[in-house]
Amino acid sequence: MDEDKIAQIRLFNRYYTSVIGLLDRHYLNSDFSLTETRIMFELYHKAEGLTASELIGLLHLDKGYLSRMLQMFEKKKLVEKKRSAYDGRSFHLYLSPLGVETFSKINAAAEHLTIQMLDPLSKTEADELVAHMNAIRQILGKSNAQNT
C-alpha cells in the first residue's frame, strides 16, 4: 500500500477525532464515554430491545467490557432488563425513562455540535462535505463487505 495514502488517512483520522471530541474522556461533556453513549444510542433506537449478545455483535465489543458498562447503567438506573419470551436464558435491554432522558440530552448536544460545525459553511460546502462523507462510507462499506 502507498505510504502517502496511509499517512493521509491517519492525518484525517487524527483531525476528525479531535474535531468531534472523541479524545475527551467524557463525550460531549456528559458523564459517559463515546462507547457508553453509542450503547445508549442503539438501545434508544430499538423498541424491541437488544440482548447483550446483539450489542456485542453490532458494536464489536468485548463481552467483559460490555458487561461492566451494563452493570454501571443498571446501577444508575439507565437500563431495564426483561426476560426474553423466546429464550428464558436471555434478557432484552431497554433504556429506562431516565436512560431516555439522559440519552436525549447527549443527542441534543451532538446535534448542536454538528450545527456548529456546519454553520460557517455555505450550503454548497455543506452539501459537498456530506457527499464526501457518504462516499467514504460507501467505499469503506464495500471494502468491509469484501473482507467478511
Protein backbone atom coordinates (compact mmCIF):
# COMPACT_ATOMS: atom_id res chain seq x y z
CA MET A 1 0.00 0.00 0.00
CA ASP A 2 1.14 3.53 -0.77
CA GLU A 3 2.74 5.02 2.36
CA ASP A 4 1.49 8.52 1.46
CA LYS A 5 -2.12 7.30 1.34
CA ILE A 6 -1.71 5.66 4.73
CA ALA A 7 -0.23 8.86 6.17
CA GLN A 8 -3.04 10.98 4.68
CA ILE A 9 -5.77 8.71 6.07
CA ARG A 10 -4.16 8.71 9.52
CA LEU A 11 -3.83 12.51 9.37
CA PHE A 12 -7.53 12.82 8.56
CA ASN A 13 -8.45 10.40 11.36
CA ARG A 14 -6.46 12.40 13.91
CA TYR A 15 -8.02 15.63 12.68
CA TYR A 16 -11.60 14.38 12.72
CA THR A 17 -11.41 12.63 16.09
CA SER A 18 -10.19 15.92 17.54
CA VAL A 19 -12.91 17.97 15.79
CA ILE A 20 -15.74 15.85 17.19
CA GLY A 21 -14.24 15.44 20.64
CA LEU A 22 -13.55 11.71 20.60
CA LEU A 23 -10.37 12.15 22.58
CA ASP A 24 -12.23 13.63 25.53
CA ARG A 25 -12.71 11.24 28.44
CA HIS A 26 -16.40 12.11 28.55
CA TYR A 27 -18.31 12.52 25.30
CA LEU A 28 -19.86 15.98 24.83
CA ASN A 29 -19.31 16.97 28.46
CA SER A 30 -21.58 14.17 29.63
CA ASP A 31 -20.77 11.61 32.29
CA PHE A 32 -20.33 8.96 29.60
CA SER A 33 -17.69 7.77 27.16
CA LEU A 34 -18.35 7.57 23.44
CA THR A 35 -18.81 3.78 23.71
CA GLU A 36 -21.34 4.15 26.54
CA THR A 37 -23.20 6.78 24.54
CA ARG A 38 -23.23 4.53 21.48
CA ILE A 39 -24.78 1.71 23.53
CA MET A 40 -27.50 4.12 24.67
CA PHE A 41 -28.00 5.17 21.04
CA GLU A 42 -28.54 1.58 19.95
CA LEU A 43 -30.95 0.84 22.82
CA TYR A 44 -32.83 4.09 22.18
CA HIS A 45 -33.43 3.14 18.55
CA LYS A 46 -34.57 -0.46 19.18
CA ALA A 47 -38.13 -0.50 20.52
CA GLU A 48 -37.93 -4.30 20.87
CA GLY A 49 -34.75 -4.03 22.94
CA LEU A 50 -31.41 -5.72 22.36
CA THR A 51 -29.66 -8.59 24.06
CA ALA A 52 -26.09 -8.22 25.28
CA SER A 53 -25.03 -10.66 22.55
CA GLU A 54 -26.66 -8.48 19.91
CA LEU A 55 -24.82 -5.42 21.25
CA ILE A 56 -21.53 -7.34 21.18
CA GLY A 57 -22.09 -8.32 17.55
CA LEU A 58 -23.33 -4.91 16.49
CA LEU A 59 -20.58 -2.87 18.12
CA HIS A 60 -17.77 -5.47 18.20
CA LEU A 61 -17.29 -5.06 21.94
CA ASP A 62 -15.52 -7.31 24.39
CA LYS A 63 -18.04 -9.27 26.47
CA GLY A 64 -16.45 -8.27 29.80
CA TYR A 65 -16.21 -4.61 28.79
CA LEU A 66 -19.89 -4.53 27.80
CA SER A 67 -20.85 -6.35 30.99
CA ARG A 68 -19.15 -3.70 33.13
CA MET A 69 -20.87 -0.90 31.23
CA LEU A 70 -24.27 -2.55 31.54
CA GLN A 71 -23.75 -3.06 35.28
CA MET A 72 -22.95 0.65 35.60
CA PHE A 73 -26.06 1.52 33.56
CA GLU A 74 -28.18 -0.67 35.84
CA LYS A 75 -26.68 0.90 38.95
CA LYS A 76 -27.52 4.37 37.57
CA LYS A 77 -31.00 3.09 36.62
CA LEU A 78 -30.47 3.89 32.93
CA VAL A 79 -31.40 0.45 31.59
CA GLU A 80 -34.07 -2.12 32.29
CA LYS A 81 -33.88 -5.85 31.59
CA LYS A 82 -36.79 -8.04 30.56
CA ARG A 83 -36.52 -11.80 30.16
CA SER A 84 -36.91 -12.90 26.55
CA ALA A 85 -40.23 -14.52 25.72
CA TYR A 86 -38.40 -16.82 23.26
CA ASP A 87 -35.37 -17.79 25.32
CA GLY A 88 -35.69 -17.69 29.09
CA ARG A 89 -31.91 -17.57 29.46
CA SER A 90 -31.53 -14.20 27.75
CA PHE A 91 -32.68 -10.71 28.57
CA HIS A 92 -33.65 -7.82 26.35
CA LEU A 93 -32.20 -4.49 27.37
CA TYR A 94 -34.09 -1.21 27.14
CA LEU A 95 -33.37 2.34 28.17
CA SER A 96 -35.36 3.26 31.27
CA PRO A 97 -37.23 6.57 31.26
CA LEU A 98 -34.16 8.09 32.97
CA GLY A 99 -31.97 6.48 30.28
CA VAL A 100 -34.11 8.00 27.53
CA GLU A 101 -33.86 11.42 29.19
CA THR A 102 -30.09 11.07 29.64
CA PHE A 103 -29.54 9.95 26.05
CA SER A 104 -31.80 12.70 24.71
CA LYS A 105 -29.61 15.35 26.35
CA ILE A 106 -26.44 13.85 24.86
CA ASN A 107 -28.11 13.52 21.47
CA ALA A 108 -29.15 17.18 21.57
CA ALA A 109 -25.55 18.15 22.39
CA ALA A 110 -24.34 16.09 19.41
CA GLU A 111 -26.83 17.84 17.13
CA HIS A 112 -25.66 21.21 18.47
CA LEU A 113 -22.01 20.30 17.79
CA THR A 114 -22.91 19.32 14.23
CA ILE A 115 -24.77 22.59 13.69
CA GLN A 116 -21.72 24.50 14.96
CA MET A 117 -19.51 22.56 12.55
CA LEU A 118 -21.77 23.31 9.58
CA ASP A 119 -22.67 26.92 10.45
CA PRO A 120 -19.59 28.58 8.93
CA LEU A 121 -20.04 26.65 5.68
CA SER A 122 -22.04 27.75 2.67
CA LYS A 123 -24.88 25.48 1.51
CA THR A 124 -22.66 24.28 -1.35
CA GLU A 125 -19.78 23.49 1.03
CA ALA A 126 -22.11 21.66 3.44
CA ASP A 127 -23.61 19.63 0.57
CA GLU A 128 -20.11 18.81 -0.69
CA LEU A 129 -18.97 17.75 2.80
CA VAL A 130 -21.96 15.44 3.23
CA ALA A 131 -21.45 13.98 -0.24
CA HIS A 132 -17.80 13.23 0.57
CA MET A 133 -18.77 11.64 3.90
CA ASN A 134 -21.32 9.44 2.11
CA ALA A 135 -18.66 8.48 -0.44
CA ILE A 136 -16.28 7.46 2.37
CA ARG A 137 -18.99 5.29 3.94
CA GLN A 138 -19.82 3.65 0.59
CA ILE A 139 -16.19 2.95 -0.29
CA LEU A 140 -15.30 1.58 3.16
CA GLY A 141 -18.59 -0.34 3.27
CA LYS A 142 -17.60 -2.16 0.07
CA SER A 143 -14.16 -2.85 1.49
CA ASN A 144 -15.60 -4.22 4.76
CA ALA A 145 -18.14 -6.36 2.88
CA GLN A 146 -15.35 -7.93 0.80
CA ASN A 147 -13.36 -8.75 3.96
CA THR A 148 -16.19 -10.64 5.67
